[in-house]
Amino acid sequence: MKKTFKLQDEKRHPDRIIEAIKHEIRKYIKRERGKKLPDEAKMFWDFDCKFGENAQSAKSMAFSDIIEALDKVSKAGWSECYIEIISRAEVKPPKGAAPVTEEDDTV
């Protein structure tokens, strides 16, 4: 999903506009997660996200931060915002495998 959302509308309250955008994002994520994976047992859906005032100024961020960013943008008074969410299949990390840290390498 690559979309520019208008945050100001004469006929709608700004809070309702933000809530509608959040709903559309959550609906898109739910639809993407419902799609069939190449290997259900070893893969999961991951999302590459960008957020900004327009497509050129959009910065990469985690999906969990997009909702918070929308709240901040509405208070900042932006007239529109650009949101890009691209889904991709990722391989699950093995269960019980802890990430390797520098302390583990010294043993």
PDB file of N, CA and C in Angstrom:
ATOM      1  N   MET A   1       0.854  -1.164   0.000  1.00  0.00           N
ATOM      2  CA  MET A   1       0.000   0.000   0.000  1.00  0.00           C
ATOM      3  C   MET A   1       0.903   1.232   0.000  1.00  0.00           C
ATOM      4  N   LYS A   2       0.731   2.060  -0.974  1.00  0.00           N
ATOM      5  CA  LYS A   2       1.429   3.341  -1.055  1.00  0.00           C
ATOM      6  C   LYS A   2       0.337   4.387  -1.236  1.00  0.00           C
ATOM      7  N   LYS A   3       0.166   5.235  -0.215  1.00  0.00           N
ATOM      8  CA  LYS A   3      -0.973   6.133  -0.273  1.00  0.00           C
ATOM      9  C   LYS A   3      -0.686   7.437   0.456  1.00  0.00           C
ATOM     10  N   THR A   4      -1.214   8.529  -0.084  1.00  0.00           N
ATOM     11  CA  THR A   4      -1.168   9.830   0.574  1.00  0.00           C
ATOM     12  C   THR A   4      -2.551  10.094   1.149  1.00  0.00           C
ATOM     13  N   PHE A   5      -2.607  10.308   2.449  1.00  0.00           N
ATOM     14  CA  PHE A   5      -3.869  10.549   3.140  1.00  0.00           C
ATOM     15  C   PHE A   5      -4.019  12.033   3.434  1.00  0.00           C
ATOM     16  N   LYS A   6      -5.200  12.575   3.187  1.00  0.00           N
ATOM     17  CA  LYS A   6      -5.506  13.953   3.568  1.00  0.00           C
ATOM     18  C   LYS A   6      -5.916  13.950   5.034  1.00  0.00           C
ATOM     19  N   LEU A   7      -5.315  14.837   5.822  1.00  0.00           N
ATOM     20  CA  LEU A   7      -5.580  14.886   7.255  1.00  0.00           C
ATOM     21  C   LEU A   7      -6.556  15.992   7.633  1.00  0.00           C
ATOM     22  N   GLN A   8      -6.914  16.833   6.672  1.00  0.00           N
ATOM     23  CA  GLN A   8      -7.846  17.917   6.960  1.00  0.00           C
ATOM     24  C   GLN A   8      -8.966  17.895   5.937  1.00  0.00           C
ATOM     25  N   ASP A   9     -10.190  17.996   6.454  1.00  0.00           N
ATOM     26  CA  ASP A   9     -11.372  18.013   5.609  1.00  0.00           C
ATOM     27  C   ASP A   9     -12.393  18.913   6.290  1.00  0.00           C
ATOM     28  N   GLU A  10     -13.041  19.771   5.518  1.00  0.00           N
ATOM     29  CA  GLU A  10     -13.997  20.713   6.092  1.00  0.00           C
ATOM     30  C   GLU A  10     -15.202  20.011   6.714  1.00  0.00           C
ATOM     31  N   LYS A  11     -15.582  18.871   6.183  1.00  0.00           N
ATOM     32  CA  LYS A  11     -16.803  18.201   6.620  1.00  0.00           C
ATOM     33  C   LYS A  11     -16.586  17.190   7.743  1.00  0.00           C
ATOM     34  N   ARG A  12     -15.349  16.844   8.035  1.00  0.00           N
ATOM     35  CA  ARG A  12     -15.077  15.801   9.031  1.00  0.00           C
ATOM     36  C   ARG A  12     -14.178  16.330  10.135  1.00  0.00           C
ATOM     37  N   HIS A  13     -14.398  15.832  11.332  1.00  0.00           N
ATOM     38  CA  HIS A  13     -13.571  16.197  12.480  1.00  0.00           C
ATOM     39  C   HIS A  13     -12.197  15.537  12.312  1.00  0.00           C
ATOM     40  N   PRO A  14     -11.106  16.235  12.628  1.00  0.00           N
ATOM     41  CA  PRO A  14      -9.756  15.670  12.448  1.00  0.00           C
ATOM     42  C   PRO A  14      -9.539  14.342  13.179  1.00  0.00           C
ATOM     43  N   ASP A  15     -10.135  14.183  14.353  1.00  0.00           N
ATOM     44  CA  ASP A  15      -9.988  12.916  15.079  1.00  0.00           C
ATOM     45  C   ASP A  15     -10.614  11.759  14.314  1.00  0.00           C
ATOM     46  N   ARG A  16     -11.745  12.003  13.654  1.00  0.00           N
ATOM     47  CA  ARG A  16     -12.404  10.942  12.884  1.00  0.00           C
ATOM     48  C   ARG A  16     -11.587  10.591  11.646  1.00  0.00           C
ATOM     49  N   ILE A  17     -10.925  11.568  11.065  1.00  0.00           N
ATOM     50  CA  ILE A  17     -10.076  11.308   9.898  1.00  0.00           C
ATOM     51  C   ILE A  17      -8.915  10.404  10.299  1.00  0.00           C
ATOM     52  N   ILE A  18      -8.266  10.709  11.427  1.00  0.00           N
ATOM     53  CA  ILE A  18      -7.137   9.904  11.910  1.00  0.00           C
ATOM     54  C   ILE A  18      -7.599   8.486  12.226  1.00  0.00           C
ATOM     55  N   GLU A  19      -8.751   8.355  12.878  1.00  0.00           N
ATOM     56  CA  GLU A  19      -9.271   7.023  13.205  1.00  0.00           C
ATOM     57  C   GLU A  19      -9.589   6.228  11.941  1.00  0.00           C
ATOM     58  N   ALA A  20     -10.102   6.886  10.910  1.00  0.00           N
ATOM     59  CA  ALA A  20     -10.395   6.205   9.644  1.00  0.00           C
ATOM     60  C   ALA A  20      -9.108   5.716   8.974  1.00  0.00           C
ATOM     61  N   ILE A  21      -8.050   6.507   9.050  1.00  0.00           N
ATOM     62  CA  ILE A  21      -6.761   6.103   8.474  1.00  0.00           C
ATOM     63  C   ILE A  21      -6.205   4.901   9.232  1.00  0.00           C
ATOM     64  N   LYS A  22      -6.265   4.946  10.559  1.00  0.00           N
ATOM     65  CA  LYS A  22      -5.792   3.819  11.373  1.00  0.00           C
ATOM     66  C   LYS A  22      -6.571   2.550  11.035  1.00  0.00           C
ATOM     67  N   HIS A  23      -7.893   2.696  10.868  1.00  0.00           N
ATOM     68  CA  HIS A  23      -8.723   1.537  10.531  1.00  0.00           C
ATOM     69  C   HIS A  23      -8.319   0.962   9.171  1.00  0.00           C
ATOM     70  N   GLU A  24      -8.075   1.829   8.198  1.00  0.00           N
ATOM     71  CA  GLU A  24      -7.678   1.365   6.866  1.00  0.00           C
ATOM     72  C   GLU A  24      -6.335   0.637   6.905  1.00  0.00           C
ATOM     73  N   ILE A  25      -5.398   1.141   7.710  1.00  0.00           N
ATOM     74  CA  ILE A  25      -4.088   0.498   7.844  1.00  0.00           C
ATOM     75  C   ILE A  25      -4.240  -0.877   8.479  1.00  0.00           C
ATOM     76  N   ARG A  26      -4.997  -0.952   9.560  1.00  0.00           N
ATOM     77  CA  ARG A  26      -5.197  -2.242  10.244  1.00  0.00           C
ATOM     78  C   ARG A  26      -5.916  -3.243   9.349  1.00  0.00           C
ATOM     79  N   LYS A  27      -6.882  -2.768   8.552  1.00  0.00           N
ATOM     80  CA  LYS A  27      -7.608  -3.635   7.629  1.00  0.00           C
ATOM     81  C   LYS A  27      -6.662  -4.176   6.557  1.00  0.00           C
ATOM     82  N   TYR A  28      -5.765  -3.335   6.059  1.00  0.00           N
ATOM     83  CA  TYR A  28      -4.786  -3.758   5.055  1.00  0.00           C
ATOM     84  C   TYR A  28      -3.850  -4.823   5.630  1.00  0.00           C
ATOM     85  N   ILE A  29      -3.357  -4.600   6.855  1.00  0.00           N
ATOM     86  CA  ILE A  29      -2.452  -5.558   7.498  1.00  0.00           C
ATOM     87  C   ILE A  29      -3.154  -6.897   7.696  1.00  0.00           C
ATOM     88  N   LYS A  30      -4.394  -6.860   8.142  1.00  0.00           N
ATOM     89  CA  LYS A  30      -5.154  -8.098   8.349  1.00  0.00           C
ATOM     90  C   LYS A  30      -5.330  -8.848   7.026  1.00  0.00           C
ATOM     91  N   ARG A  31      -5.622  -8.116   5.953  1.00  0.00           N
ATOM     92  CA  ARG A  31      -5.798  -8.743   4.640  1.00  0.00           C
ATOM     93  C   ARG A  31      -4.489  -9.360   4.153  1.00  0.00           C
ATOM     94  N   GLU A  32      -3.369  -8.665   4.341  1.00  0.00           N
ATOM     95  CA  GLU A  32      -2.070  -9.181   3.904  1.00  0.00           C
ATOM     96  C   GLU A  32      -1.653 -10.413   4.709  1.00  0.00           C
ATOM     97  N   ARG A  33      -1.904 -10.406   6.008  1.00  0.00           N
ATOM     98  CA  ARG A  33      -1.537 -11.554   6.839  1.00  0.00           C
ATOM     99  C   ARG A  33      -2.377 -12.784   6.519  1.00  0.00           C
ATOM    100  N   GLY A  34      -3.540 -12.578   5.929  1.00  0.00           N
ATOM    101  CA  GLY A  34      -4.397 -13.688   5.551  1.00  0.00           C
ATOM    102  C   GLY A  34      -3.979 -14.372   4.263  1.00  0.00           C
ATOM    103  N   LYS A  35      -3.082 -13.762   3.515  1.00  0.00           N
ATOM    104  CA  LYS A  35      -2.626 -14.359   2.258  1.00  0.00           C
ATOM    105  C   LYS A  35      -1.761 -15.584   2.534  1.00  0.00           C
ATOM    106  N   LYS A  36      -1.722 -16.472   1.565  1.00  0.00           N
ATOM    107  CA  LYS A  36      -0.977 -17.716   1.714  1.00  0.00           C
ATOM    108  C   LYS A  36       0.526 -17.458   1.602  1.00  0.00           C
ATOM    109  N   LEU A  37       1.264 -18.052   2.535  1.00  0.00           N
ATOM    110  CA  LEU A  37       2.728 -17.970   2.527  1.00  0.00           C
ATOM    111  C   LEU A  37       3.312 -19.097   1.681  1.00  0.00           C
ATOM    112  N   PRO A  38       4.505 -18.916   1.104  1.00  0.00           N
ATOM    113  CA  PRO A  38       5.142 -19.994   0.342  1.00  0.00           C
ATOM    114  C   PRO A  38       5.382 -21.242   1.196  1.00  0.00           C
ATOM    115  N   ASP A  39       5.797 -21.066   2.450  1.00  0.00           N
ATOM    116  CA  ASP A  39       6.021 -22.180   3.370  1.00  0.00           C
ATOM    117  C   ASP A  39       5.479 -21.766   4.736  1.00  0.00           C
ATOM    118  N   GLU A  40       4.236 -22.171   5.014  1.00  0.00           N
ATOM    119  CA  GLU A  40       3.539 -21.744   6.238  1.00  0.00           C
ATOM    120  C   GLU A  40       4.311 -22.079   7.509  1.00  0.00           C
ATOM    121  N   ALA A  41       4.990 -23.216   7.532  1.00  0.00           N
ATOM    122  CA  ALA A  41       5.657 -23.662   8.755  1.00  0.00           C
ATOM    123  C   ALA A  41       6.917 -22.857   9.057  1.00  0.00           C
ATOM    124  N   LYS A  42       7.567 -22.336   8.033  1.00  0.00           N
ATOM    125  CA  LYS A  42       8.866 -21.691   8.247  1.00  0.00           C
ATOM    126  C   LYS A  42       8.867 -20.189   7.970  1.00  0.00           C
ATOM    127  N   MET A  43       7.719 -19.615   7.605  1.00  0.00           N
ATOM    128  CA  MET A  43       7.720 -18.213   7.207  1.00  0.00           C
ATOM    129  C   MET A  43       6.617 -17.427   7.911  1.00  0.00           C
ATOM    130  N   PHE A  44       6.761 -16.099   7.899  1.00  0.00           N
ATOM    131  CA  PHE A  44       5.744 -15.195   8.418  1.00  0.00           C
ATOM    132  C   PHE A  44       5.763 -13.919   7.574  1.00  0.00           C
ATOM    133  N   TRP A  45       4.696 -13.117   7.680  1.00  0.00           N
ATOM    134  CA  TRP A  45       4.634 -11.863   6.947  1.00  0.00           C
ATOM    135  C   TRP A  45       5.321 -10.767   7.745  1.00  0.00           C
ATOM    136  N   ASP A  46       6.232 -10.054   7.096  1.00  0.00           N
ATOM    137  CA  ASP A  46       6.895  -8.902   7.695  1.00  0.00           C
ATOM    138  C   ASP A  46       6.551  -7.695   6.822  1.00  0.00           C
ATOM    139  N   PHE A  47       6.632  -6.502   7.391  1.00  0.00           N
ATOM    140  CA  PHE A  47       6.210  -5.308   6.673  1.00  0.00           C
ATOM    141  C   PHE A  47       7.309  -4.250   6.680  1.00  0.00           C
ATOM    142  N   ASP A  48       7.624  -3.745   5.486  1.00  0.00           N
ATOM    143  CA  ASP A  48       8.540  -2.614   5.335  1.00  0.00           C
ATOM    144  C   ASP A  48       7.671  -1.366   5.268  1.00  0.00           C
ATOM    145  N   CYS A  49       7.906  -0.430   6.173  1.00  0.00           N
ATOM    146  CA  CYS A  49       7.045   0.744   6.282  1.00  0.00           C
ATOM    147  C   CYS A  49       7.832   2.034   6.123  1.00  0.00           C
ATOM    148  N   LYS A  50       7.180   3.006   5.506  1.00  0.00           N
ATOM    149  CA  LYS A  50       7.724   4.359   5.390  1.00  0.00           C
ATOM    150  C   LYS A  50       6.605   5.330   5.745  1.00  0.00           C
ATOM    151  N   PHE A  51       6.998   6.460   6.349  1.00  0.00           N
ATOM    152  CA  PHE A  51       6.027   7.456   6.778  1.00  0.00           C
ATOM    153  C   PHE A  51       6.638   8.839   6.625  1.00  0.00           C
ATOM    154  N   GLY A  52       5.872   9.777   6.086  1.00  0.00           N
ATOM    155  CA  GLY A  52       6.376  11.132   5.941  1.00  0.00           C
ATOM    156  C   GLY A  52       5.310  12.074   5.428  1.00  0.00           C
ATOM    157  N   GLU A  53       5.704  13.328   5.238  1.00  0.00           N
ATOM    158  CA  GLU A  53       4.756  14.330   4.754  1.00  0.00           C
ATOM    159  C   GLU A  53       4.438  14.112   3.273  1.00  0.00           C
ATOM    160  N   ASN A  54       5.415  13.578   2.528  1.00  0.00           N
ATOM    161  CA  ASN A  54       5.196  13.207   1.130  1.00  0.00           C
ATOM    162  C   ASN A  54       6.118  12.033   0.804  1.00  0.00           C
ATOM    163  N   ALA A  55       6.016  11.504  -0.414  1.00  0.00           N
ATOM    164  CA  ALA A  55       6.782  10.314  -0.784  1.00  0.00           C
ATOM    165  C   ALA A  55       8.289  10.561  -0.760  1.00  0.00           C
ATOM    166  N   GLN A  56       8.722  11.775  -1.094  1.00  0.00           N
ATOM    167  CA  GLN A  56      10.145  12.064  -1.143  1.00  0.00           C
ATOM    168  C   GLN A  56      10.756  12.186   0.252  1.00  0.00           C
ATOM    169  N   SER A  57       9.991  12.657   1.216  1.00  0.00           N
ATOM    170  CA  SER A  57      10.527  12.860   2.568  1.00  0.00           C
ATOM    171  C   SER A  57      10.203  11.708   3.517  1.00  0.00           C
ATOM    172  N   ALA A  58       9.627  10.632   3.007  1.00  0.00           N
ATOM    173  CA  ALA A  58       9.231   9.507   3.860  1.00  0.00           C
ATOM    174  C   ALA A  58      10.455   8.792   4.417  1.00  0.00           C
ATOM    175  N   LYS A  59      10.395   8.454   5.687  1.00  0.00           N
ATOM    176  CA  LYS A  59      11.477   7.753   6.385  1.00  0.00           C
ATOM    177  C   LYS A  59      11.000   6.354   6.770  1.00  0.00           C
ATOM    178  N   SER A  60      11.922   5.401   6.769  1.00  0.00           N
ATOM    179  CA  SER A  60      11.603   4.038   7.185  1.00  0.00           C
ATOM    180  C   SER A  60      11.333   4.002   8.679  1.00  0.00           C
ATOM    181  N   MET A  61      10.354   3.202   9.066  1.00  0.00           N
ATOM    182  CA  MET A  61      10.051   3.022  10.484  1.00  0.00           C
ATOM    183  C   MET A  61       9.363   1.684  10.682  1.00  0.00           C
ATOM    184  N   ALA A  62       9.316   1.245  11.928  1.00  0.00           N
ATOM    185  CA  ALA A  62       8.661  -0.012  12.265  1.00  0.00           C
ATOM    186  C   ALA A  62       7.150   0.163  12.148  1.00  0.00           C
ATOM    187  N   PHE A  63       6.460  -0.928  11.835  1.00  0.00           N
ATOM    188  CA  PHE A  63       5.007  -0.859  11.694  1.00  0.00           C
ATOM    189  C   PHE A  63       4.346  -0.390  12.984  1.00  0.00           C
ATOM    190  N   SER A  64       4.863  -0.823  14.121  1.00  0.00           N
ATOM    191  CA  SER A  64       4.252  -0.462  15.402  1.00  0.00           C
ATOM    192  C   SER A  64       4.338   1.038  15.683  1.00  0.00           C
ATOM    193  N   ASP A  65       5.247   1.750  15.022  1.00  0.00           N
ATOM    194  CA  ASP A  65       5.414   3.187  15.253  1.00  0.00           C
ATOM    195  C   ASP A  65       4.525   4.054  14.363  1.00  0.00           C
ATOM    196  N   ILE A  66       3.885   3.463  13.365  1.00  0.00           N
ATOM    197  CA  ILE A  66       3.081   4.254  12.432  1.00  0.00           C
ATOM    198  C   ILE A  66       1.869   4.870  13.126  1.00  0.00           C
ATOM    199  N   ILE A  67       1.192   4.118  13.977  1.00  0.00           N
ATOM    200  CA  ILE A  67       0.010   4.630  14.673  1.00  0.00           C
ATOM    201  C   ILE A  67       0.395   5.811  15.568  1.00  0.00           C
ATOM    202  N   GLU A  68       1.508   5.679  16.284  1.00  0.00           N
ATOM    203  CA  GLU A  68       1.984   6.784  17.130  1.00  0.00           C
ATOM    204  C   GLU A  68       2.350   7.997  16.278  1.00  0.00           C
ATOM    205  N   ALA A  69       2.961   7.758  15.131  1.00  0.00           N
ATOM    206  CA  ALA A  69       3.348   8.858  14.246  1.00  0.00           C
ATOM    207  C   ALA A  69       2.114   9.595  13.720  1.00  0.00           C
ATOM    208  N   LEU A  70       1.043   8.859  13.440  1.00  0.00           N
ATOM    209  CA  LEU A  70      -0.194   9.500  12.989  1.00  0.00           C
ATOM    210  C   LEU A  70      -0.747  10.442  14.055  1.00  0.00           C
ATOM    211  N   ASP A  71      -0.705  10.018  15.312  1.00  0.00           N
ATOM    212  CA  ASP A  71      -1.184  10.870  16.399  1.00  0.00           C
ATOM    213  C   ASP A  71      -0.347  12.145  16.501  1.00  0.00           C
ATOM    214  N   LYS A  72       0.969  12.013  16.373  1.00  0.00           N
ATOM    215  CA  LYS A  72       1.858  13.178  16.456  1.00  0.00           C
ATOM    216  C   LYS A  72       1.626  14.135  15.286  1.00  0.00           C
ATOM    217  N   VAL A  73       1.401  13.573  14.109  1.00  0.00           N
ATOM    218  CA  VAL A  73       1.193  14.378  12.907  1.00  0.00           C
ATOM    219  C   VAL A  73      -0.104  15.177  13.007  1.00  0.00           C
ATOM    220  N   SER A  74      -1.141  14.576  13.565  1.00  0.00           N
ATOM    221  CA  SER A  74      -2.412  15.289  13.681  1.00  0.00           C
ATOM    222  C   SER A  74      -2.272  16.484  14.620  1.00  0.00           C
ATOM    223  N   LYS A  75      -1.471  16.329  15.662  1.00  0.00           N
ATOM    224  CA  LYS A  75      -1.238  17.443  16.590  1.00  0.00           C
ATOM    225  C   LYS A  75      -0.320  18.499  15.977  1.00  0.00           C
ATOM    226  N   ALA A  76       0.563  18.083  15.077  1.00  0.00           N
ATOM    227  CA  ALA A  76       1.486  19.019  14.432  1.00  0.00           C
ATOM    228  C   ALA A  76       0.793  19.861  13.364  1.00  0.00           C
ATOM    229  N   GLY A  77      -0.365  19.406  12.893  1.00  0.00           N
ATOM    230  CA  GLY A  77      -1.136  20.190  11.933  1.00  0.00           C
ATOM    231  C   GLY A  77      -0.788  19.965  10.474  1.00  0.00           C
ATOM    232  N   TRP A  78      -0.260  18.795  10.120  1.00  0.00           N
ATOM    233  CA  TRP A  78       0.031  18.494   8.718  1.00  0.00           C
ATOM    234  C   TRP A  78      -1.280  18.457   7.934  1.00  0.00           C
ATOM    235  N   SER A  79      -1.224  18.817   6.667  1.00  0.00           N
ATOM    236  CA  SER A  79      -2.419  18.752   5.830  1.00  0.00           C
ATOM    237  C   SER A  79      -2.582  17.375   5.192  1.00  0.00           C
ATOM    238  N   GLU A  80      -1.475  16.650   5.013  1.00  0.00           N
ATOM    239  CA  GLU A  80      -1.523  15.292   4.472  1.00  0.00           C
ATOM    240  C   GLU A  80      -0.288  14.524   4.909  1.00  0.00           C
ATOM    241  N   CYS A  81      -0.365  13.199   4.794  1.00  0.00           N
ATOM    242  CA  CYS A  81       0.792  12.365   5.112  1.00  0.00           C
ATOM    243  C   CYS A  81       0.848  11.201   4.127  1.00  0.00           C
ATOM    244  N   TYR A  82       2.051  10.695   3.919  1.00  0.00           N
ATOM    245  CA  TYR A  82       2.297   9.584   3.001  1.00  0.00           C
ATOM    246  C   TYR A  82       2.645   8.351   3.823  1.00  0.00           C
ATOM    247  N   ILE A  83       1.968   7.246   3.539  1.00  0.00           N
ATOM    248  CA  ILE A  83       2.236   5.989   4.233  1.00  0.00           C
ATOM    249  C   ILE A  83       2.473   4.910   3.181  1.00  0.00           C
ATOM    250  N   GLU A  84       3.560   4.173   3.362  1.00  0.00           N
ATOM    251  CA  GLU A  84       3.892   3.063   2.470  1.00  0.00           C
ATOM    252  C   GLU A  84       4.106   1.827   3.327  1.00  0.00           C
ATOM    253  N   ILE A  85       3.343   0.779   3.043  1.00  0.00           N
ATOM    254  CA  ILE A  85       3.486  -0.488   3.758  1.00  0.00           C
ATOM    255  C   ILE A  85       3.583  -1.583   2.703  1.00  0.00           C
ATOM    256  N   ILE A  86       4.723  -2.264   2.666  1.00  0.00           N
ATOM    257  CA  ILE A  86       4.970  -3.333   1.700  1.00  0.00           C
ATOM    258  C   ILE A  86       5.176  -4.628   2.478  1.00  0.00           C
ATOM    259  N   SER A  87       4.393  -5.646   2.138  1.00  0.00           N
ATOM    260  CA  SER A  87       4.530  -6.930   2.834  1.00  0.00           C
ATOM    261  C   SER A  87       5.547  -7.806   2.112  1.00  0.00           C
ATOM    262  N   ARG A  88       6.236  -8.632   2.903  1.00  0.00           N
ATOM    263  CA  ARG A  88       7.188  -9.591   2.337  1.00  0.00           C
ATOM    264  C   ARG A  88       7.234 -10.810   3.252  1.00  0.00           C
ATOM    265  N   ALA A  89       7.451 -11.958   2.657  1.00  0.00           N
ATOM    266  CA  ALA A  89       7.550 -13.201   3.424  1.00  0.00           C
ATOM    267  C   ALA A  89       8.958 -13.318   3.992  1.00  0.00           C
ATOM    268  N   GLU A  90       9.055 -13.569   5.282  1.00  0.00           N
ATOM    269  CA  GLU A  90      10.336 -13.707   5.986  1.00  0.00           C
ATOM    270  C   GLU A  90      10.423 -15.094   6.597  1.00  0.00           C
ATOM    271  N   VAL A  91      11.635 -15.608   6.712  1.00  0.00           N
ATOM    272  CA  VAL A  91      11.865 -16.900   7.350  1.00  0.00           C
ATOM    273  C   VAL A  91      11.869 -16.694   8.862  1.00  0.00           C
ATOM    274  N   LYS A  92      11.144 -17.561   9.573  1.00  0.00           N
ATOM    275  CA  LYS A  92      11.099 -17.475  11.034  1.00  0.00           C
ATOM    276  C   LYS A  92      12.448 -17.865  11.619  1.00  0.00           C
ATOM    277  N   PRO A  93      12.879 -17.187  12.683  1.00  0.00           N
ATOM    278  CA  PRO A  93      14.104 -17.625  13.357  1.00  0.00           C
ATOM    279  C   PRO A  93      13.828 -18.939  14.085  1.00  0.00           C
ATOM    280  N   PRO A  94      14.829 -19.807  14.228  1.00  0.00           N
ATOM    281  CA  PRO A  94      14.606 -21.082  14.916  1.00  0.00           C
ATOM    282  C   PRO A  94      14.189 -20.856  16.367  1.00  0.00           C
ATOM    283  N   LYS A  95      13.303 -21.726  16.864  1.00  0.00           N
ATOM    284  CA  LYS A  95      12.855 -21.612  18.253  1.00  0.00           C
ATOM    285  C   LYS A  95      14.001 -21.932  19.195  1.00  0.00           C
ATOM    286  N   GLY A  96      14.082 -21.161  20.269  1.00  0.00           N
ATOM    287  CA  GLY A  96      15.114 -21.389  21.272  1.00  0.00           C
ATOM    288  C   GLY A  96      16.463 -20.815  20.900  1.00  0.00           C
ATOM    289  N   ALA A  97      16.587 -20.272  19.718  1.00  0.00           N
ATOM    290  CA  ALA A  97      17.863 -19.689  19.307  1.00  0.00           C
ATOM    291  C   ALA A  97      17.917 -18.251  19.808  1.00  0.00           C
ATOM    292  N   ALA A  98      18.846 -18.003  20.696  1.00  0.00           N
ATOM    293  CA  ALA A  98      19.018 -16.652  21.232  1.00  0.00           C
ATOM    294  C   ALA A  98      19.926 -15.865  20.302  1.00  0.00           C
ATOM    295  N   PRO A  99      19.705 -14.573  20.189  1.00  0.00           N
ATOM    296  CA  PRO A  99      20.602 -13.779  19.348  1.00  0.00           C
ATOM    297  C   PRO A  99      22.014 -13.765  19.920  1.00  0.00           C
ATOM    298  N   VAL A 100      22.999 -13.823  19.049  1.00  0.00           N
ATOM    299  CA  VAL A 100      24.400 -13.854  19.467  1.00  0.00           C
ATOM    300  C   VAL A 100      24.821 -12.444  19.864  1.00  0.00           C
ATOM    301  N   THR A 101      25.425 -12.333  21.039  1.00  0.00           N
ATOM    302  CA  THR A 101      25.933 -11.039  21.502  1.00  0.00           C
ATOM    303  C   THR A 101      27.448 -11.103  21.573  1.00  0.00           C
ATOM    304  N   GLU A 102      28.088  -9.976  21.786  1.00  0.00           N
ATOM    305  CA  GLU A 102      29.546  -9.931  21.864  1.00  0.00           C
ATOM    306  C   GLU A 102      30.060 -10.705  23.069  1.00  0.00           C
ATOM    307  N   GLU A 103      29.301 -10.736  24.161  1.00  0.00           N
ATOM    308  CA  GLU A 103      29.719 -11.453  25.364  1.00  0.00           C
ATOM    309  C   GLU A 103      29.782 -12.955  25.118  1.00  0.00           C
ATOM    310  N   ASP A 104      28.886 -13.467  24.257  1.00  0.00           N
ATOM    311  CA  ASP A 104      28.869 -14.899  23.960  1.00  0.00           C
ATOM    312  C   ASP A 104      30.097 -15.321  23.155  1.00  0.00           C
ATOM    313  N   ASP A 105      30.645 -14.432  22.353  1.00  0.00           N
ATOM    314  CA  ASP A 105      31.788 -14.762  21.505  1.00  0.00           C
ATOM    315  C   ASP A 105      33.087 -14.925  22.291  1.00  0.00           C
ATOM    316  N   THR A 106      33.191 -14.348  23.477  1.00  0.00           N
ATOM    317  CA  THR A 106      34.437 -14.385  24.237  1.00  0.00           C
ATOM    318  C   THR A 106      34.649 -15.701  24.970  1.00  0.00           C
ATOM    319  N   VAL A 107      33.671 -16.574  25.031  1.00  0.00           N
ATOM    320  CA  VAL A 107      33.790 -17.832  25.783  1.00  0.00           C
ATOM    321  C   VAL A 107      34.620 -18.830  25.055  1.00  0.00           C
TER     322      VAL A 107
END
